[in-house]
N, C-alpha and C. Protein backbone atom coordinates (compact mmCIF):
# COMPACT_ATOMS: atom_id res chain seq x y z
N UNK A 1 28.51 -19.51 30.84
CA UNK A 1 27.24 -18.89 30.50
C UNK A 1 27.03 -17.66 31.39
N UNK A 2 26.64 -16.56 30.79
CA UNK A 2 26.46 -15.32 31.53
C UNK A 2 25.18 -15.38 32.37
N UNK A 3 25.28 -14.91 33.61
CA UNK A 3 24.13 -14.84 34.51
C UNK A 3 23.66 -13.39 34.60
N UNK A 4 22.40 -13.15 34.27
CA UNK A 4 21.84 -11.80 34.33
C UNK A 4 20.71 -11.80 35.36
N UNK A 5 20.90 -11.11 36.44
CA UNK A 5 19.91 -11.09 37.52
C UNK A 5 18.86 -10.01 37.25
N UNK A 6 17.78 -10.06 38.02
CA UNK A 6 16.72 -9.06 37.89
C UNK A 6 17.24 -7.67 38.21
N UNK A 7 18.15 -7.57 39.18
CA UNK A 7 18.73 -6.27 39.52
C UNK A 7 19.49 -5.68 38.34
N UNK A 8 20.20 -6.53 37.63
CA UNK A 8 20.93 -6.06 36.45
C UNK A 8 19.95 -5.59 35.38
N UNK A 9 18.90 -6.41 35.15
CA UNK A 9 17.90 -6.04 34.14
C UNK A 9 17.28 -4.69 34.46
N UNK A 10 16.97 -4.44 35.74
CA UNK A 10 16.35 -3.18 36.14
C UNK A 10 17.29 -1.99 35.95
N UNK A 11 18.59 -2.24 35.95
CA UNK A 11 19.57 -1.16 35.81
C UNK A 11 19.79 -0.72 34.37
N UNK A 12 19.30 -1.51 33.42
CA UNK A 12 19.53 -1.21 32.01
C UNK A 12 18.73 -0.01 31.53
N UNK A 13 19.25 0.65 30.52
CA UNK A 13 18.53 1.72 29.84
C UNK A 13 17.25 1.15 29.22
N UNK A 14 16.20 1.96 29.17
CA UNK A 14 14.85 1.50 28.81
C UNK A 14 14.81 0.74 27.49
N UNK A 15 15.37 1.30 26.43
CA UNK A 15 15.25 0.67 25.12
C UNK A 15 16.12 -0.57 25.00
N UNK A 16 17.28 -0.56 25.67
CA UNK A 16 18.12 -1.77 25.70
C UNK A 16 17.36 -2.90 26.39
N UNK A 17 16.74 -2.60 27.53
CA UNK A 17 15.97 -3.60 28.28
C UNK A 17 14.80 -4.13 27.44
N UNK A 18 14.09 -3.23 26.77
CA UNK A 18 12.95 -3.64 25.96
C UNK A 18 13.39 -4.57 24.82
N UNK A 19 14.47 -4.23 24.15
CA UNK A 19 14.98 -5.09 23.08
C UNK A 19 15.35 -6.47 23.60
N UNK A 20 16.05 -6.50 24.71
CA UNK A 20 16.52 -7.76 25.28
C UNK A 20 15.36 -8.67 25.66
N UNK A 21 14.41 -8.16 26.45
CA UNK A 21 13.30 -8.97 26.92
C UNK A 21 12.40 -9.39 25.77
N UNK A 22 12.22 -8.50 24.80
CA UNK A 22 11.37 -8.82 23.65
C UNK A 22 11.96 -9.95 22.81
N UNK A 23 13.29 -10.03 22.78
CA UNK A 23 13.93 -11.11 22.01
C UNK A 23 13.99 -12.42 22.78
N UNK A 24 13.91 -12.35 24.11
CA UNK A 24 14.16 -13.51 24.95
C UNK A 24 13.19 -14.65 24.70
N UNK A 25 11.94 -14.34 24.37
CA UNK A 25 10.95 -15.40 24.16
C UNK A 25 11.10 -16.09 22.81
N UNK A 26 11.99 -15.60 21.95
CA UNK A 26 12.27 -16.28 20.69
C UNK A 26 11.42 -15.81 19.54
N UNK A 27 11.51 -16.56 18.45
CA UNK A 27 10.79 -16.20 17.23
C UNK A 27 9.28 -16.26 17.47
N UNK A 28 8.57 -15.33 16.86
CA UNK A 28 7.13 -15.24 17.01
C UNK A 28 6.48 -15.05 15.65
N UNK A 29 5.22 -15.46 15.56
CA UNK A 29 4.47 -15.12 14.36
C UNK A 29 4.25 -13.62 14.35
N UNK A 30 4.13 -13.05 13.17
CA UNK A 30 3.90 -11.62 13.06
C UNK A 30 2.85 -11.39 11.98
N UNK A 31 1.87 -10.56 12.28
CA UNK A 31 0.76 -10.34 11.36
C UNK A 31 0.29 -8.90 11.43
N UNK A 32 -0.49 -8.52 10.45
CA UNK A 32 -1.14 -7.22 10.43
C UNK A 32 -2.61 -7.39 10.82
N UNK A 33 -3.08 -6.60 11.76
CA UNK A 33 -4.49 -6.64 12.16
C UNK A 33 -5.20 -5.46 11.52
N UNK A 34 -6.25 -5.78 10.76
CA UNK A 34 -7.03 -4.75 10.07
C UNK A 34 -8.36 -4.53 10.76
N UNK A 35 -8.72 -3.27 10.95
CA UNK A 35 -9.99 -2.92 11.58
C UNK A 35 -10.59 -1.71 10.88
N UNK A 36 -11.83 -1.40 11.22
CA UNK A 36 -12.45 -0.13 10.85
C UNK A 36 -13.10 0.46 12.09
N UNK A 37 -13.23 1.79 12.11
CA UNK A 37 -13.95 2.41 13.21
C UNK A 37 -15.43 2.47 12.89
N UNK A 38 -16.20 3.08 13.74
CA UNK A 38 -17.65 3.11 13.56
C UNK A 38 -18.08 3.88 12.32
N UNK A 39 -17.16 4.71 11.78
CA UNK A 39 -17.45 5.47 10.56
C UNK A 39 -16.94 4.78 9.31
N UNK A 40 -16.32 3.61 9.48
CA UNK A 40 -15.80 2.87 8.33
C UNK A 40 -14.38 3.22 7.95
N UNK A 41 -13.68 4.01 8.77
CA UNK A 41 -12.29 4.38 8.49
C UNK A 41 -11.36 3.21 8.79
N UNK A 42 -10.60 2.71 7.78
CA UNK A 42 -9.71 1.57 8.01
C UNK A 42 -8.51 1.91 8.89
N UNK A 43 -8.03 0.90 9.58
CA UNK A 43 -6.83 1.01 10.41
C UNK A 43 -6.04 -0.28 10.25
N UNK A 44 -4.72 -0.18 10.30
CA UNK A 44 -3.86 -1.36 10.13
C UNK A 44 -2.66 -1.23 11.05
N UNK A 45 -2.34 -2.31 11.77
CA UNK A 45 -1.21 -2.27 12.69
C UNK A 45 -0.56 -3.65 12.78
N UNK A 46 0.75 -3.66 13.01
CA UNK A 46 1.51 -4.91 13.10
C UNK A 46 1.52 -5.41 14.54
N UNK A 47 1.35 -6.73 14.70
CA UNK A 47 1.36 -7.37 16.02
C UNK A 47 2.16 -8.67 15.94
N UNK A 48 2.99 -8.91 16.98
CA UNK A 48 3.76 -10.15 17.04
C UNK A 48 3.41 -10.96 18.28
N UNK A 49 2.24 -10.70 18.84
CA UNK A 49 1.82 -11.39 20.07
C UNK A 49 0.57 -12.23 19.82
N UNK A 50 0.39 -12.72 18.60
CA UNK A 50 -0.79 -13.48 18.24
C UNK A 50 -0.57 -14.95 18.59
N UNK A 51 -1.55 -15.55 19.30
CA UNK A 51 -1.37 -16.92 19.78
C UNK A 51 -2.61 -17.77 19.51
N UNK A 52 -2.39 -19.04 19.23
CA UNK A 52 -3.44 -20.03 19.10
C UNK A 52 -3.98 -20.37 20.49
N UNK A 53 -5.29 -20.29 20.67
CA UNK A 53 -5.90 -20.59 21.97
C UNK A 53 -6.73 -21.87 21.96
N UNK A 54 -7.10 -22.36 20.80
CA UNK A 54 -7.89 -23.58 20.72
C UNK A 54 -8.39 -23.82 19.31
N UNK A 55 -8.67 -25.09 19.00
CA UNK A 55 -9.10 -25.45 17.65
C UNK A 55 -10.59 -25.72 17.54
N UNK A 56 -11.23 -26.07 18.65
CA UNK A 56 -12.67 -26.37 18.61
C UNK A 56 -13.32 -25.91 19.91
N UNK A 57 -13.81 -24.66 19.94
CA UNK A 57 -13.90 -23.72 18.82
C UNK A 57 -12.53 -23.12 18.46
N UNK A 58 -12.47 -22.59 17.24
CA UNK A 58 -11.21 -22.03 16.74
C UNK A 58 -11.02 -20.63 17.31
N UNK A 59 -10.14 -20.53 18.29
CA UNK A 59 -9.91 -19.27 19.00
C UNK A 59 -8.47 -18.79 18.82
N UNK A 60 -8.33 -17.49 18.64
CA UNK A 60 -7.02 -16.86 18.53
C UNK A 60 -7.01 -15.64 19.44
N UNK A 61 -5.89 -15.43 20.12
CA UNK A 61 -5.74 -14.26 20.97
C UNK A 61 -4.56 -13.40 20.56
N UNK A 62 -4.57 -12.18 20.99
CA UNK A 62 -3.39 -11.33 20.82
C UNK A 62 -3.34 -10.34 21.98
N UNK A 63 -2.15 -9.82 22.24
CA UNK A 63 -1.96 -8.84 23.31
C UNK A 63 -1.95 -7.44 22.71
N UNK A 64 -2.86 -6.60 23.22
CA UNK A 64 -2.88 -5.20 22.82
C UNK A 64 -2.19 -4.37 23.91
N UNK A 65 -1.30 -3.52 23.50
CA UNK A 65 -0.57 -2.68 24.45
C UNK A 65 -1.53 -1.71 25.16
N UNK A 66 -1.05 -1.00 26.19
CA UNK A 66 -1.92 -0.04 26.89
C UNK A 66 -2.59 0.93 25.93
N UNK A 67 -3.78 1.37 26.30
CA UNK A 67 -4.56 2.22 25.41
C UNK A 67 -3.81 3.47 24.97
N UNK A 68 -3.04 4.05 25.87
CA UNK A 68 -2.32 5.27 25.54
C UNK A 68 -1.29 5.03 24.44
N UNK A 69 -0.74 3.82 24.38
CA UNK A 69 0.30 3.51 23.40
C UNK A 69 -0.27 2.99 22.09
N UNK A 70 -1.38 2.27 22.14
CA UNK A 70 -1.95 1.67 20.92
C UNK A 70 -3.47 1.65 21.05
N UNK A 71 -4.13 2.80 20.88
CA UNK A 71 -5.56 2.87 21.16
C UNK A 71 -6.48 2.44 20.02
N UNK A 72 -6.09 2.65 18.78
CA UNK A 72 -7.04 2.56 17.66
C UNK A 72 -7.51 1.15 17.37
N UNK A 73 -6.60 0.18 17.32
CA UNK A 73 -7.01 -1.20 17.02
C UNK A 73 -8.01 -1.70 18.04
N UNK A 74 -7.70 -1.51 19.31
CA UNK A 74 -8.58 -1.98 20.38
C UNK A 74 -9.92 -1.26 20.34
N UNK A 75 -9.90 0.05 20.17
CA UNK A 75 -11.14 0.82 20.13
C UNK A 75 -12.02 0.39 18.96
N UNK A 76 -11.40 0.14 17.82
CA UNK A 76 -12.18 -0.28 16.64
C UNK A 76 -12.81 -1.66 16.85
N UNK A 77 -12.05 -2.57 17.46
CA UNK A 77 -12.59 -3.91 17.72
C UNK A 77 -13.73 -3.83 18.72
N UNK A 78 -13.58 -3.00 19.74
CA UNK A 78 -14.65 -2.82 20.72
C UNK A 78 -15.90 -2.25 20.05
N UNK A 79 -15.69 -1.35 19.08
CA UNK A 79 -16.80 -0.66 18.43
C UNK A 79 -17.56 -1.55 17.46
N UNK A 80 -16.83 -2.35 16.67
CA UNK A 80 -17.46 -3.13 15.60
C UNK A 80 -17.59 -4.61 15.92
N UNK A 81 -16.67 -5.14 16.77
CA UNK A 81 -16.69 -6.55 17.11
C UNK A 81 -16.00 -7.45 16.11
N UNK A 82 -15.33 -6.86 15.11
CA UNK A 82 -14.71 -7.69 14.06
C UNK A 82 -13.34 -7.13 13.69
N UNK A 83 -12.47 -8.02 13.20
CA UNK A 83 -11.14 -7.62 12.74
C UNK A 83 -10.57 -8.71 11.85
N UNK A 84 -9.50 -8.40 11.15
CA UNK A 84 -8.83 -9.38 10.31
C UNK A 84 -7.39 -9.55 10.76
N UNK A 85 -6.84 -10.74 10.54
CA UNK A 85 -5.43 -11.01 10.82
C UNK A 85 -4.79 -11.48 9.52
N UNK A 86 -3.70 -10.83 9.14
CA UNK A 86 -3.07 -11.04 7.83
C UNK A 86 -1.59 -11.38 8.00
N UNK A 87 -1.16 -12.55 7.51
CA UNK A 87 0.25 -12.90 7.54
C UNK A 87 1.06 -11.90 6.71
N UNK A 88 2.30 -11.75 7.08
CA UNK A 88 3.21 -10.85 6.37
C UNK A 88 4.18 -11.67 5.54
N UNK A 89 4.42 -11.24 4.31
CA UNK A 89 5.41 -11.87 3.45
C UNK A 89 6.56 -10.89 3.19
N UNK A 90 7.68 -11.45 2.77
CA UNK A 90 8.89 -10.64 2.58
C UNK A 90 8.67 -9.51 1.59
N UNK A 91 7.80 -9.72 0.61
CA UNK A 91 7.60 -8.73 -0.44
C UNK A 91 7.06 -7.40 0.07
N UNK A 92 6.42 -7.40 1.26
CA UNK A 92 5.92 -6.14 1.78
C UNK A 92 6.25 -5.95 3.26
N UNK A 93 7.33 -6.56 3.72
CA UNK A 93 7.68 -6.49 5.14
C UNK A 93 8.02 -5.07 5.58
N UNK A 94 8.67 -4.29 4.73
CA UNK A 94 9.02 -2.92 5.10
C UNK A 94 7.76 -2.07 5.31
N UNK A 95 6.78 -2.24 4.44
CA UNK A 95 5.52 -1.51 4.58
C UNK A 95 4.78 -1.97 5.83
N UNK A 96 4.83 -3.27 6.10
CA UNK A 96 4.17 -3.80 7.29
C UNK A 96 4.78 -3.21 8.55
N UNK A 97 6.12 -3.14 8.59
CA UNK A 97 6.78 -2.57 9.77
C UNK A 97 6.42 -1.10 9.96
N UNK A 98 6.22 -0.39 8.87
CA UNK A 98 5.90 1.03 8.94
C UNK A 98 4.58 1.27 9.67
N UNK A 99 3.69 0.27 9.69
CA UNK A 99 2.41 0.45 10.40
C UNK A 99 2.60 0.56 11.90
N UNK A 100 3.79 0.26 12.41
CA UNK A 100 4.06 0.39 13.84
C UNK A 100 4.28 1.85 14.24
N UNK A 101 4.41 2.74 13.25
CA UNK A 101 4.57 4.16 13.56
C UNK A 101 3.31 4.70 14.24
N UNK A 102 3.47 5.69 15.09
CA UNK A 102 2.35 6.25 15.83
C UNK A 102 1.65 7.33 15.01
N UNK A 103 0.84 6.87 14.07
CA UNK A 103 0.06 7.80 13.26
C UNK A 103 -1.06 8.41 14.10
N UNK A 104 -1.50 9.59 13.70
CA UNK A 104 -2.63 10.23 14.36
C UNK A 104 -3.89 9.39 14.15
N UNK A 105 -4.80 9.41 15.12
CA UNK A 105 -6.08 8.73 14.95
C UNK A 105 -6.79 9.31 13.73
N UNK A 106 -7.38 8.43 12.96
CA UNK A 106 -8.05 8.87 11.74
C UNK A 106 -7.21 8.69 10.50
N UNK A 107 -5.90 8.43 10.66
CA UNK A 107 -5.05 8.17 9.51
C UNK A 107 -5.27 6.74 9.05
N UNK A 108 -5.41 6.54 7.75
CA UNK A 108 -5.57 5.21 7.17
C UNK A 108 -4.18 4.64 6.91
N UNK A 109 -3.76 3.68 7.73
CA UNK A 109 -2.40 3.11 7.58
C UNK A 109 -2.23 2.34 6.28
N UNK A 110 -3.32 1.81 5.73
CA UNK A 110 -3.22 1.18 4.41
C UNK A 110 -2.66 2.19 3.41
N UNK A 111 -3.27 3.35 3.36
CA UNK A 111 -2.85 4.39 2.41
C UNK A 111 -1.49 4.96 2.79
N UNK A 112 -1.25 5.16 4.08
CA UNK A 112 -0.01 5.78 4.53
C UNK A 112 1.21 4.91 4.21
N UNK A 113 1.03 3.59 4.21
CA UNK A 113 2.16 2.68 4.00
C UNK A 113 2.20 2.07 2.60
N UNK A 114 1.17 2.33 1.79
CA UNK A 114 1.15 1.80 0.44
C UNK A 114 0.64 0.39 0.31
N UNK A 115 -0.05 -0.12 1.34
CA UNK A 115 -0.65 -1.44 1.26
C UNK A 115 -2.09 -1.32 0.74
N UNK A 116 -2.59 -2.40 0.17
CA UNK A 116 -3.88 -2.38 -0.52
C UNK A 116 -5.00 -2.88 0.38
N UNK A 117 -6.03 -2.07 0.55
CA UNK A 117 -7.20 -2.47 1.32
C UNK A 117 -8.06 -3.43 0.51
N UNK A 118 -8.47 -4.53 1.13
CA UNK A 118 -9.32 -5.51 0.45
C UNK A 118 -10.50 -5.85 1.36
N UNK A 119 -11.71 -5.69 0.81
CA UNK A 119 -12.91 -6.07 1.55
C UNK A 119 -13.52 -7.32 0.92
N UNK A 120 -13.96 -8.23 1.76
CA UNK A 120 -14.61 -9.46 1.32
C UNK A 120 -16.11 -9.33 1.57
N UNK A 121 -16.95 -9.94 0.72
CA UNK A 121 -18.40 -9.85 0.90
C UNK A 121 -18.85 -10.33 2.28
N UNK A 122 -19.67 -9.52 2.94
CA UNK A 122 -20.22 -9.90 4.23
C UNK A 122 -19.30 -9.73 5.40
N UNK A 123 -18.08 -9.18 5.20
CA UNK A 123 -17.11 -9.01 6.28
C UNK A 123 -16.74 -7.53 6.35
N UNK A 124 -16.95 -6.91 7.50
CA UNK A 124 -16.72 -5.47 7.58
C UNK A 124 -15.26 -5.10 7.80
N UNK A 125 -14.47 -6.03 8.33
CA UNK A 125 -13.06 -5.73 8.59
C UNK A 125 -12.26 -5.79 7.29
N UNK A 126 -11.33 -4.87 7.08
CA UNK A 126 -10.51 -4.88 5.87
C UNK A 126 -9.37 -5.89 5.96
N UNK A 127 -9.03 -6.47 4.82
CA UNK A 127 -7.88 -7.37 4.71
C UNK A 127 -6.75 -6.67 3.95
N UNK A 128 -5.55 -7.24 4.06
CA UNK A 128 -4.40 -6.78 3.28
C UNK A 128 -4.37 -7.60 2.00
N UNK A 129 -4.59 -6.96 0.87
CA UNK A 129 -4.68 -7.68 -0.41
C UNK A 129 -3.40 -8.44 -0.71
N UNK A 130 -2.25 -7.91 -0.28
CA UNK A 130 -0.96 -8.53 -0.59
C UNK A 130 -0.71 -9.80 0.21
N UNK A 131 -1.45 -10.03 1.27
CA UNK A 131 -1.21 -11.17 2.16
C UNK A 131 -1.71 -12.47 1.54
N UNK A 132 -0.93 -13.54 1.70
CA UNK A 132 -1.27 -14.85 1.14
C UNK A 132 -2.03 -15.75 2.12
N UNK A 133 -2.06 -15.36 3.39
CA UNK A 133 -2.79 -16.11 4.42
C UNK A 133 -3.49 -15.07 5.30
N UNK A 134 -4.82 -15.11 5.35
CA UNK A 134 -5.55 -14.11 6.13
C UNK A 134 -6.86 -14.70 6.61
N UNK A 135 -7.34 -14.18 7.74
CA UNK A 135 -8.57 -14.72 8.30
C UNK A 135 -9.33 -13.64 9.08
N UNK A 136 -10.65 -13.81 9.12
CA UNK A 136 -11.53 -12.86 9.79
C UNK A 136 -11.84 -13.34 11.19
N UNK A 137 -11.95 -12.38 12.11
CA UNK A 137 -12.17 -12.69 13.51
C UNK A 137 -13.40 -11.97 14.04
N UNK A 138 -14.10 -12.64 14.97
CA UNK A 138 -15.21 -12.03 15.71
C UNK A 138 -14.81 -11.95 17.17
N UNK A 139 -14.93 -10.77 17.75
CA UNK A 139 -14.53 -10.57 19.14
C UNK A 139 -15.37 -11.41 20.09
N UNK A 140 -14.71 -12.10 21.02
CA UNK A 140 -15.39 -12.83 22.08
C UNK A 140 -15.21 -12.19 23.45
N UNK A 141 -13.97 -11.77 23.73
CA UNK A 141 -13.68 -11.29 25.08
C UNK A 141 -12.42 -10.44 25.07
N UNK A 142 -12.41 -9.39 25.88
CA UNK A 142 -11.22 -8.59 26.11
C UNK A 142 -10.88 -8.70 27.60
N UNK A 143 -9.72 -9.24 27.88
CA UNK A 143 -9.32 -9.51 29.27
C UNK A 143 -8.23 -8.51 29.68
N UNK A 144 -8.52 -7.60 30.60
CA UNK A 144 -7.49 -6.66 31.07
C UNK A 144 -6.40 -7.39 31.84
N UNK A 145 -5.16 -7.04 31.59
CA UNK A 145 -4.02 -7.57 32.34
C UNK A 145 -3.53 -6.43 33.23
N UNK A 146 -3.88 -6.47 34.50
CA UNK A 146 -3.67 -5.33 35.38
C UNK A 146 -2.20 -5.06 35.69
N UNK A 147 -1.32 -6.06 35.54
CA UNK A 147 0.08 -5.91 35.90
C UNK A 147 0.80 -4.87 35.04
N UNK A 148 0.37 -4.73 33.77
CA UNK A 148 1.02 -3.75 32.89
C UNK A 148 0.05 -2.99 32.00
N UNK A 149 -1.24 -3.06 32.35
CA UNK A 149 -2.28 -2.31 31.65
C UNK A 149 -2.44 -2.69 30.18
N UNK A 150 -2.10 -3.94 29.85
CA UNK A 150 -2.34 -4.44 28.50
C UNK A 150 -3.64 -5.24 28.48
N UNK A 151 -3.97 -5.78 27.30
CA UNK A 151 -5.24 -6.50 27.15
C UNK A 151 -5.03 -7.76 26.32
N UNK A 152 -5.61 -8.86 26.75
CA UNK A 152 -5.68 -10.06 25.95
C UNK A 152 -7.00 -10.03 25.18
N UNK A 153 -6.91 -9.92 23.87
CA UNK A 153 -8.09 -9.86 23.02
C UNK A 153 -8.32 -11.25 22.44
N UNK A 154 -9.47 -11.83 22.73
CA UNK A 154 -9.79 -13.19 22.29
C UNK A 154 -10.90 -13.14 21.26
N UNK A 155 -10.67 -13.81 20.13
CA UNK A 155 -11.67 -13.84 19.08
C UNK A 155 -11.84 -15.22 18.49
N UNK A 156 -12.94 -15.41 17.78
CA UNK A 156 -13.19 -16.68 17.09
C UNK A 156 -13.03 -16.46 15.59
N UNK A 157 -12.47 -17.46 14.93
CA UNK A 157 -12.26 -17.38 13.47
C UNK A 157 -13.59 -17.60 12.76
N UNK A 158 -13.91 -16.71 11.83
CA UNK A 158 -15.16 -16.85 11.06
C UNK A 158 -14.92 -17.21 9.60
N UNK A 159 -13.82 -16.73 9.02
CA UNK A 159 -13.53 -16.96 7.61
C UNK A 159 -12.03 -16.98 7.40
N UNK A 160 -11.57 -17.86 6.50
CA UNK A 160 -10.15 -17.99 6.21
C UNK A 160 -9.94 -17.91 4.70
N UNK A 161 -8.87 -17.22 4.29
CA UNK A 161 -8.55 -17.09 2.87
C UNK A 161 -7.08 -17.44 2.67
N UNK A 162 -6.83 -18.56 1.96
CA UNK A 162 -5.45 -19.02 1.74
C UNK A 162 -5.33 -19.58 0.33
N UNK A 163 -4.12 -19.65 -0.16
CA UNK A 163 -3.83 -20.35 -1.41
C UNK A 163 -4.00 -21.84 -1.15
N UNK A 164 -4.74 -22.52 -2.00
CA UNK A 164 -5.05 -23.93 -1.76
C UNK A 164 -3.81 -24.81 -1.76
N UNK A 165 -2.71 -24.37 -2.37
CA UNK A 165 -1.49 -25.18 -2.40
C UNK A 165 -0.83 -25.24 -1.03
N UNK A 166 -1.16 -24.31 -0.14
CA UNK A 166 -0.57 -24.28 1.20
C UNK A 166 -1.21 -25.34 2.10
N UNK A 167 -2.47 -25.70 1.81
CA UNK A 167 -3.21 -26.66 2.63
C UNK A 167 -2.85 -28.09 2.22
N UNK A 168 -2.36 -28.88 3.17
CA UNK A 168 -1.94 -30.25 2.90
C UNK A 168 -3.08 -31.23 3.23
N UNK A 169 -3.00 -32.48 2.74
CA UNK A 169 -4.11 -33.44 2.89
C UNK A 169 -4.54 -33.70 4.33
N UNK A 170 -3.62 -33.55 5.29
CA UNK A 170 -3.97 -33.84 6.69
C UNK A 170 -4.37 -32.58 7.46
N UNK A 171 -4.54 -31.45 6.76
CA UNK A 171 -4.92 -30.21 7.40
C UNK A 171 -3.76 -29.32 7.80
N UNK A 172 -2.55 -29.80 7.64
CA UNK A 172 -1.35 -29.01 7.95
C UNK A 172 -1.25 -27.84 6.97
N UNK A 173 -0.94 -26.66 7.50
CA UNK A 173 -0.73 -25.48 6.66
C UNK A 173 0.76 -25.22 6.53
N UNK A 174 1.29 -25.40 5.36
CA UNK A 174 2.72 -25.16 5.11
C UNK A 174 2.90 -23.68 4.81
N UNK A 175 2.83 -22.86 5.87
CA UNK A 175 2.81 -21.42 5.63
C UNK A 175 4.14 -20.89 5.09
N UNK A 176 5.21 -21.68 5.24
CA UNK A 176 6.46 -21.24 4.64
C UNK A 176 6.35 -21.21 3.12
N UNK A 177 5.48 -22.07 2.56
CA UNK A 177 5.26 -22.07 1.12
C UNK A 177 4.49 -20.83 0.67
N UNK A 178 3.75 -20.24 1.60
CA UNK A 178 3.04 -18.99 1.30
C UNK A 178 3.95 -17.78 1.48
N UNK A 179 5.15 -18.02 2.03
CA UNK A 179 6.09 -16.92 2.24
C UNK A 179 5.91 -16.20 3.56
N UNK A 180 5.07 -16.73 4.46
CA UNK A 180 4.86 -16.07 5.75
C UNK A 180 6.16 -16.03 6.54
N UNK A 181 6.39 -14.92 7.22
CA UNK A 181 7.65 -14.72 7.93
C UNK A 181 7.42 -14.72 9.44
N UNK A 182 8.51 -14.73 10.19
CA UNK A 182 8.48 -14.67 11.65
C UNK A 182 9.19 -13.40 12.10
N UNK A 183 9.04 -13.08 13.39
CA UNK A 183 9.69 -11.87 13.91
C UNK A 183 10.49 -12.20 15.16
N UNK A 184 11.40 -11.30 15.50
CA UNK A 184 12.17 -11.39 16.74
C UNK A 184 12.35 -9.98 17.27
N UNK A 185 12.03 -9.80 18.56
CA UNK A 185 12.10 -8.46 19.11
C UNK A 185 11.04 -7.58 18.47
N UNK A 186 11.32 -6.30 18.41
CA UNK A 186 10.36 -5.37 17.83
C UNK A 186 10.68 -4.93 16.42
N UNK A 187 11.83 -5.41 15.88
CA UNK A 187 12.21 -4.90 14.57
C UNK A 187 12.94 -5.91 13.68
N UNK A 188 13.00 -7.18 14.11
CA UNK A 188 13.68 -8.20 13.32
C UNK A 188 12.68 -9.12 12.64
N UNK A 189 12.94 -9.43 11.37
CA UNK A 189 12.04 -10.29 10.59
C UNK A 189 12.85 -11.40 9.93
N UNK A 190 12.27 -12.62 9.91
CA UNK A 190 13.00 -13.80 9.46
C UNK A 190 12.16 -14.65 8.52
N UNK A 191 12.83 -15.25 7.54
CA UNK A 191 12.17 -16.25 6.70
C UNK A 191 12.00 -17.54 7.50
N UNK A 192 10.93 -18.28 7.19
CA UNK A 192 10.68 -19.55 7.87
C UNK A 192 11.04 -20.72 6.97
N UNK A 193 11.55 -21.79 7.57
CA UNK A 193 11.90 -22.99 6.82
C UNK A 193 11.59 -24.21 7.67
N UNK A 194 10.83 -25.15 7.12
CA UNK A 194 10.48 -26.36 7.85
C UNK A 194 11.71 -27.24 8.07
N UNK A 195 11.91 -27.67 9.33
CA UNK A 195 12.97 -28.63 9.65
C UNK A 195 12.44 -30.04 9.52
N UNK A 196 11.32 -30.32 10.20
CA UNK A 196 10.72 -31.65 10.13
C UNK A 196 9.35 -31.62 10.78
N UNK A 197 8.51 -32.57 10.40
CA UNK A 197 7.27 -32.85 11.10
C UNK A 197 7.37 -34.24 11.71
N UNK A 198 6.78 -34.43 12.90
CA UNK A 198 6.87 -35.70 13.59
C UNK A 198 5.50 -36.29 13.85
N UNK A 199 5.47 -37.61 13.99
CA UNK A 199 4.23 -38.30 14.32
C UNK A 199 3.77 -37.90 15.72
N UNK A 200 2.50 -38.17 16.00
CA UNK A 200 1.93 -37.89 17.33
C UNK A 200 2.71 -38.67 18.38
N UNK A 201 3.18 -37.95 19.41
CA UNK A 201 4.03 -38.59 20.42
C UNK A 201 3.20 -39.36 21.45
N UNK A 202 3.68 -40.59 21.78
CA UNK A 202 3.05 -41.42 22.80
C UNK A 202 4.13 -41.95 23.74
N UNK A 203 3.81 -42.11 25.04
CA UNK A 203 4.80 -42.62 25.98
C UNK A 203 5.34 -43.99 25.54
N UNK A 204 6.67 -44.17 25.63
CA UNK A 204 7.28 -45.46 25.33
C UNK A 204 7.40 -45.79 23.87
N UNK A 205 7.02 -44.88 23.01
CA UNK A 205 7.11 -45.14 21.57
C UNK A 205 7.94 -44.03 20.91
N UNK A 206 8.96 -44.45 20.19
CA UNK A 206 9.84 -43.49 19.54
C UNK A 206 9.10 -42.76 18.41
N UNK A 207 9.17 -41.46 18.43
CA UNK A 207 8.51 -40.70 17.36
C UNK A 207 9.36 -40.74 16.11
N UNK A 208 8.71 -40.75 14.97
CA UNK A 208 9.40 -40.77 13.69
C UNK A 208 8.93 -39.59 12.85
N UNK A 209 9.82 -39.10 12.00
CA UNK A 209 9.42 -38.01 11.12
C UNK A 209 8.30 -38.42 10.18
N UNK A 210 7.44 -37.47 9.86
CA UNK A 210 6.41 -37.69 8.85
C UNK A 210 7.04 -37.47 7.49
N UNK A 211 6.96 -38.47 6.67
CA UNK A 211 7.57 -38.39 5.34
C UNK A 211 6.74 -37.49 4.43
């Protein structure tokens, strides 16, 4: 097994190092975050750092890069307090990836990439019409991470929109049936496939697959 020390990592070319470290944490969920600015101008950007923070209350977080690198999503959320998170499916993955381009502020990424803006009654944040799993968020807290000038954005789920066939009797969401994909690194996208579900684990008791 190859041993890679911190000194070796520091010696690597910038983009090689970024690719390597970004892949090291493994497969991640990947979604599009939709926002509007104070004038109602839509914005859309791809994020692969979205994490479950709790179920009661239902909290979701994501990491926003430094303001200089990714200013619009964070600024819009700060301004309005609301945003949407939209799963990506294979049918529009290329368009979703295109939202990672550094468009000028004021450019509508929905229009620039050919994705469809969808507004739901009573929700100011735009959704991606093509997405099969999407939910609305209300901002709770923005936590600065001083080590690299990024931000942990924490929000609460207010509304969810999914195909009813994805929701199972015990509350499990079979998102692979919705076609939701995963990501690796900054540019790799993968189909998801369920291997197995297991019963709740208890000490001294062998877990068995859920049939």
